Protein backbone atom coordinates (compact mmCIF):
# COMPACT_ATOMS: atom_id res chain seq x y z
CA UNK A 1 26.49 47.80 102.29
CA UNK A 2 25.44 45.73 98.63
CA UNK A 3 28.50 43.38 97.41
CA UNK A 4 28.49 43.14 93.72
CA UNK A 5 30.45 39.55 92.67
CA UNK A 6 32.64 39.58 89.35
CA UNK A 7 31.05 36.88 86.81
CA UNK A 8 33.12 33.77 86.65
CA UNK A 9 34.41 33.17 83.42
CA UNK A 10 32.09 30.18 82.21
CA UNK A 11 29.68 32.41 83.35
CA UNK A 12 30.78 34.71 80.73
CA UNK A 13 31.31 32.10 77.86
CA UNK A 14 27.31 31.60 78.39
CA UNK A 15 26.32 34.97 78.17
CA UNK A 16 28.72 34.80 74.52
CA UNK A 17 27.24 31.49 73.42
CA UNK A 18 23.88 33.01 71.95
CA UNK A 19 25.60 35.55 70.13
CA UNK A 20 28.20 33.39 68.60
CA UNK A 21 25.50 30.68 67.75
CA UNK A 22 23.12 33.95 66.39
CA UNK A 23 26.40 35.31 63.85
CA UNK A 24 26.76 31.07 62.88
CA UNK A 25 23.21 30.77 61.88
CA UNK A 26 22.92 33.86 60.34
CA UNK A 27 24.92 32.51 56.88
CA UNK A 28 22.62 29.62 57.03
CA UNK A 29 19.34 31.36 57.47
CA UNK A 30 20.52 33.60 53.94
CA UNK A 31 21.32 30.45 52.66
CA UNK A 32 17.62 29.22 53.36
CA UNK A 33 16.63 32.50 52.17
CA UNK A 34 18.10 32.18 48.88
CA UNK A 35 17.42 28.66 48.18
CA UNK A 36 13.22 29.46 48.89
CA UNK A 37 13.54 32.50 46.33
CA UNK A 38 15.03 29.96 44.27
CA UNK A 39 11.89 27.22 44.48
CA UNK A 40 9.78 30.11 44.13
CA UNK A 41 11.06 31.43 41.50
CA UNK A 42 11.61 28.26 39.79
CA UNK A 43 7.95 27.29 40.45
CA UNK A 44 6.48 30.59 39.35
CA UNK A 45 8.57 29.89 36.04
CA UNK A 46 6.94 26.68 35.92
CA UNK A 47 3.65 27.56 36.18
CA UNK A 48 4.26 30.47 33.58
CA UNK A 49 5.50 28.12 30.77
CA UNK A 50 2.44 25.39 31.62
CA UNK A 51 -0.01 28.54 31.30
CA UNK A 52 2.13 30.02 27.83
CA UNK A 53 1.96 26.36 26.86
CA UNK A 54 -1.83 25.91 27.12
CA UNK A 55 -2.17 29.61 25.77
CA UNK A 56 -0.07 28.32 22.86
CA UNK A 57 -2.46 25.18 22.22
CA UNK A 58 -5.43 26.77 22.88
CA UNK A 59 -4.41 29.63 20.04
CA UNK A 60 -3.38 26.97 17.95
CA UNK A 61 -6.77 25.28 18.06
CA UNK A 62 -8.43 28.56 17.39
CA UNK A 63 -6.31 29.00 14.12
CA UNK A 64 -6.96 25.64 12.99
CA UNK A 65 -10.84 26.40 13.82
CA UNK A 66 -10.96 29.65 12.38
CA UNK A 67 -9.24 27.92 9.20
CA UNK A 68 -11.72 25.41 9.03
CA UNK A 69 -14.56 27.13 9.19
CA UNK A 70 -12.97 29.68 6.51
CA UNK A 71 -13.50 26.92 4.02
CA UNK A 72 -16.73 25.94 1.73
CA UNK A 73 -19.19 24.54 3.94
CA UNK A 74 -19.89 21.83 1.55
CA UNK A 75 -16.55 20.80 1.45
CA UNK A 76 -16.64 16.62 1.21
CA UNK A 77 -13.50 14.83 2.26
CA UNK A 78 -13.36 11.15 1.09
CA UNK A 79 -12.51 8.58 3.70
CA UNK A 80 -9.74 6.14 2.95
CA UNK A 81 -10.20 2.60 2.00
CA UNK A 82 -7.68 -0.58 1.98
CA UNK A 83 -10.25 -2.85 0.02
CA UNK A 84 -7.40 -2.74 -3.47
CA UNK A 85 -4.41 -2.55 -0.90
CA UNK A 86 -5.84 -5.89 1.31
CA UNK A 87 -7.11 -7.58 -1.61
CA UNK A 88 -3.06 -7.43 -2.97
CA UNK A 89 -1.97 -8.55 0.50
CA UNK A 90 -4.52 -11.20 0.49
CA UNK A 91 -3.25 -12.11 -2.86
CA UNK A 92 0.84 -12.31 -1.89
CA UNK A 93 -0.56 -14.66 1.14
CA UNK A 94 -1.96 -16.99 -0.93
CA UNK A 95 0.75 -17.02 -3.96
CA UNK A 96 3.95 -17.47 -1.55
CA UNK A 97 3.07 -20.18 0.77
CA UNK A 98 0.05 -22.04 -1.16
CA UNK A 99 1.28 -22.03 -4.22
CA UNK A 100 4.77 -21.17 -3.66
CA UNK A 101 5.11 -18.52 -6.13
CA UNK A 102 7.50 -16.20 -4.14
CA UNK A 103 8.42 -13.57 -6.80
CA UNK A 104 4.70 -13.19 -7.49
CA UNK A 105 3.83 -12.85 -3.97
CA UNK A 106 6.28 -10.32 -3.21
CA UNK A 107 5.36 -8.05 -6.27
CA UNK A 108 1.68 -8.13 -4.65
CA UNK A 109 2.88 -8.33 -1.20
CA UNK A 110 4.66 -4.78 -2.07
CA UNK A 111 2.30 -3.01 -3.98
CA UNK A 112 -0.50 -3.76 -1.38
CA UNK A 113 1.49 -2.94 1.50
CA UNK A 114 2.27 0.31 -0.34
CA UNK A 115 -1.22 1.26 -1.18
CA UNK A 116 -2.38 0.56 2.65
CA UNK A 117 0.00 2.94 3.40
CA UNK A 118 -1.11 5.68 1.25
CA UNK A 119 -5.35 4.81 2.06
CA UNK A 120 -3.69 5.73 5.63
CA UNK A 121 -2.85 9.19 4.68
CA UNK A 122 -4.41 10.36 0.92
CA UNK A 123 -7.61 11.91 0.97
CA UNK A 124 -9.80 13.50 -1.84
CA UNK A 125 -11.35 16.61 -1.18
CA UNK A 126 -14.00 18.45 -2.99
CA UNK A 127 -14.31 22.13 -2.26
CA UNK A 128 -17.10 24.44 -4.09
CA UNK A 129 -15.40 24.66 -7.24
CA UNK A 130 -12.22 22.25 -6.74
CA UNK A 131 -10.91 18.76 -6.51
CA UNK A 132 -7.75 18.59 -4.18
CA UNK A 133 -5.58 16.34 -3.08
CA UNK A 134 -4.13 16.20 0.90
CA UNK A 135 -2.56 14.34 3.25
CA UNK A 136 -3.06 13.69 6.64
CA UNK A 137 -0.89 11.99 9.11
CA UNK A 138 -1.74 8.01 9.05
CA UNK A 139 -4.55 7.02 11.13
CA UNK A 140 -5.51 10.63 11.88
CA UNK A 141 -9.33 11.09 11.79
CA UNK A 142 -10.61 11.94 8.25
CA UNK A 143 -11.81 15.23 9.93
CA UNK A 144 -8.17 16.75 9.72
CA UNK A 145 -8.23 16.84 6.05
CA UNK A 146 -11.13 19.66 6.38
CA UNK A 147 -8.37 22.15 6.84
CA UNK A 148 -5.31 20.38 5.57
CA UNK A 149 -3.20 22.71 3.40
CA UNK A 150 -3.24 22.22 -0.15
CA UNK A 151 0.58 23.57 -0.50
CA UNK A 152 1.67 21.19 2.15
CA UNK A 153 0.77 18.07 0.11
CA UNK A 154 3.89 18.50 -2.35
CA UNK A 155 3.71 19.23 -5.83
CA UNK A 156 2.08 16.61 -7.97
CA UNK A 157 5.51 15.66 -10.00
CA UNK A 158 4.75 12.54 -11.31
CA UNK A 159 1.17 13.67 -12.99
CA UNK A 160 2.45 16.80 -14.48
CA UNK A 161 3.64 19.26 -11.68
CA UNK A 162 1.63 21.99 -9.44
CA UNK A 163 -0.23 22.00 -6.54
CA UNK A 164 -2.75 19.26 -5.95
CA UNK A 165 -5.77 21.24 -6.91
CA UNK A 166 -7.80 21.52 -9.76
CA UNK A 167 -10.45 23.67 -10.92
CA UNK A 168 -13.75 21.78 -11.56
CA UNK A 169 -14.56 23.76 -15.01
CA UNK A 170 -10.88 22.72 -15.60
CA UNK A 171 -12.09 18.54 -16.15
CA UNK A 172 -12.81 17.39 -19.91
CA UNK A 173 -13.06 13.91 -18.80
CA UNK A 174 -13.23 11.36 -16.39
CA UNK A 175 -13.58 7.68 -15.70
CA UNK A 176 -13.84 5.06 -13.29
CA UNK A 177 -12.98 1.70 -13.19
CA UNK A 178 -15.07 -0.52 -12.37
CA UNK A 179 -18.51 0.58 -11.24
CA UNK A 180 -19.27 -1.94 -8.58
CA UNK A 181 -16.20 -2.83 -8.09
CA UNK A 182 -13.04 0.02 -8.49
CA UNK A 183 -10.13 -0.36 -8.47
CA UNK A 184 -8.79 3.00 -10.63
CA UNK A 185 -10.21 6.30 -11.26
CA UNK A 186 -8.93 8.40 -13.93
CA UNK A 187 -9.58 12.42 -15.14
CA UNK A 188 -8.34 14.60 -17.16
CA UNK A 189 -7.56 18.38 -16.97
CA UNK A 190 -6.36 22.05 -19.13
CA UNK A 191 -5.28 23.73 -15.66
CA UNK A 192 -1.65 21.70 -15.50
CA UNK A 193 -1.31 21.70 -19.37
CA UNK A 194 -3.50 23.44 -22.17
CA UNK A 195 -3.49 20.33 -24.33
CA UNK A 196 -4.74 17.99 -21.05
CA UNK A 197 -2.86 16.43 -18.28
CA UNK A 198 -4.40 12.90 -17.44
CA UNK A 199 -4.42 11.92 -13.65
CA UNK A 200 -4.55 8.33 -12.60
CA UNK A 201 -5.29 7.34 -8.88
CA UNK A 202 -6.21 3.91 -7.80
CA UNK A 203 -9.01 3.20 -5.91
CA UNK A 204 -7.70 3.66 -1.99
CA UNK A 205 -10.61 5.93 -0.55
CA UNK A 206 -14.28 5.08 -0.67
CA UNK A 207 -14.81 4.04 -3.98
CA UNK A 208 -18.71 4.42 -4.36
CA UNK A 209 -18.48 7.90 -2.36
CA UNK A 210 -15.99 9.12 -4.70
CA UNK A 211 -17.99 8.37 -7.41
CA UNK A 212 -21.27 9.82 -5.96
CA UNK A 213 -19.59 12.93 -5.74
CA UNK A 214 -17.60 12.92 -8.63
CA UNK A 215 -20.96 12.81 -10.55
CA UNK A 216 -22.39 15.92 -8.60
CA UNK A 217 -19.63 18.10 -9.08
CA UNK A 218 -17.74 17.36 -11.95
CA UNK A 219 -18.70 18.27 -15.69
CA UNK A 220 -20.16 15.29 -17.57
CA UNK A 221 -17.76 12.33 -18.44
CA UNK A 222 -17.25 11.64 -22.50
CA UNK A 223 -19.23 8.23 -21.58
CA UNK A 224 -22.56 8.20 -19.81
CA UNK A 225 -22.16 6.71 -16.57
CA UNK A 226 -24.29 4.39 -14.58
CA UNK A 227 -26.58 5.56 -11.67
CA UNK A 228 -24.86 4.77 -8.36
CA UNK A 229 -28.28 2.36 -7.65
CA UNK A 230 -27.18 0.07 -10.63
CA UNK A 231 -23.93 -0.91 -9.41
CA UNK A 232 -23.39 -4.69 -9.67
CA UNK A 233 -20.55 -7.22 -10.58
CA UNK A 234 -22.59 -7.66 -13.75
CA UNK A 235 -21.77 -4.07 -14.39
CA UNK A 236 -18.44 -4.23 -14.13
CA UNK A 237 -17.75 -7.19 -16.02
CA UNK A 238 -19.61 -5.53 -19.23
CA UNK A 239 -16.92 -2.74 -18.82
CA UNK A 240 -14.18 -4.60 -20.39
CA UNK A 241 -13.99 -7.30 -23.31
CA UNK A 242 -12.91 -10.01 -20.82
CA UNK A 243 -15.47 -9.36 -18.51
CA UNK A 244 -17.79 -10.14 -21.13
CA UNK A 245 -16.07 -13.01 -21.91
CA UNK A 246 -16.48 -14.50 -18.51
CA UNK A 247 -20.23 -14.01 -18.45
CA UNK A 248 -20.55 -15.69 -22.01
CA UNK A 249 -18.95 -18.92 -19.82
CA UNK A 250 -21.39 -18.75 -16.73
CA UNK A 251 -24.60 -20.31 -16.63
CA UNK A 252 -27.85 -18.90 -16.10
CA UNK A 253 -27.57 -19.46 -12.15
CA UNK A 254 -24.31 -17.96 -12.07
CA UNK A 255 -25.88 -14.65 -14.16
CA UNK A 256 -28.22 -14.47 -12.05
CA UNK A 257 -25.94 -13.84 -8.52
CA UNK A 258 -23.59 -12.14 -10.61
CA UNK A 259 -26.45 -9.38 -11.33
CA UNK A 260 -27.40 -9.75 -7.58
CA UNK A 261 -23.54 -9.13 -6.23
CA UNK A 262 -23.60 -5.23 -5.49
CA UNK A 263 -20.32 -5.15 -3.64
CA UNK A 264 -17.75 -7.28 -2.00
CA UNK A 265 -19.41 -9.92 0.12
CA UNK A 266 -19.36 -8.80 4.06
CA UNK A 267 -18.09 -5.02 3.03
CA UNK A 268 -21.15 -3.93 1.01
CA UNK A 269 -24.45 -3.71 1.99
CA UNK A 270 -26.98 -5.93 -0.45
């Protein structure tokens, strides 16, 4: 006769223990699965956002490339130049500490600093049929001016208003002070006003390159312009009465040196 012994209390407790443990673990497993799902979703969302950002940058780059290629193939951008601004800053340093002319030093320093800043962002752009002035980010590569929008340059309120773009056939005269050592450029156009609107710009760009492009693309000036190969300090002095008086007081040796000086020593090729 087979005897079946009843289970003790401790045995029944051990038998039920796994059941209680399973029930207690279930919420933890659910929370773990929820956390995993959340992490996966966040990772997926982050990857999707990164993908969209890359795609957006690629689209913007493609649009910029399309705009740049849509411009005339012979667009010329004249790079910035810091000689005028740097020269004024040099005068400021000399007149203040050396000669204690602090008012003159302040004036030259402020003007020199302003022109140096403008040289870092203002660019002359010559398209097939127009002269344009555009703005780039200070310190940016000059090539960014090729695709710069004229409308984003703002209105030219100080010099007649309107966008900074003038058709070549509207320009009736232009001057350059001074060939050899350029400091100021001037042109007059009838696009802004029918009776003519003058514009003056300090040479905060490559002066010789600007002069060469203006000779090639703008209508002839009222006054004859010398060839860029003829640029020299002698030619610059001949442009003004003060310069001619200076030459009258120079010796033969000094006059020879003046004729041989083709630009700023150390900056321009002889």
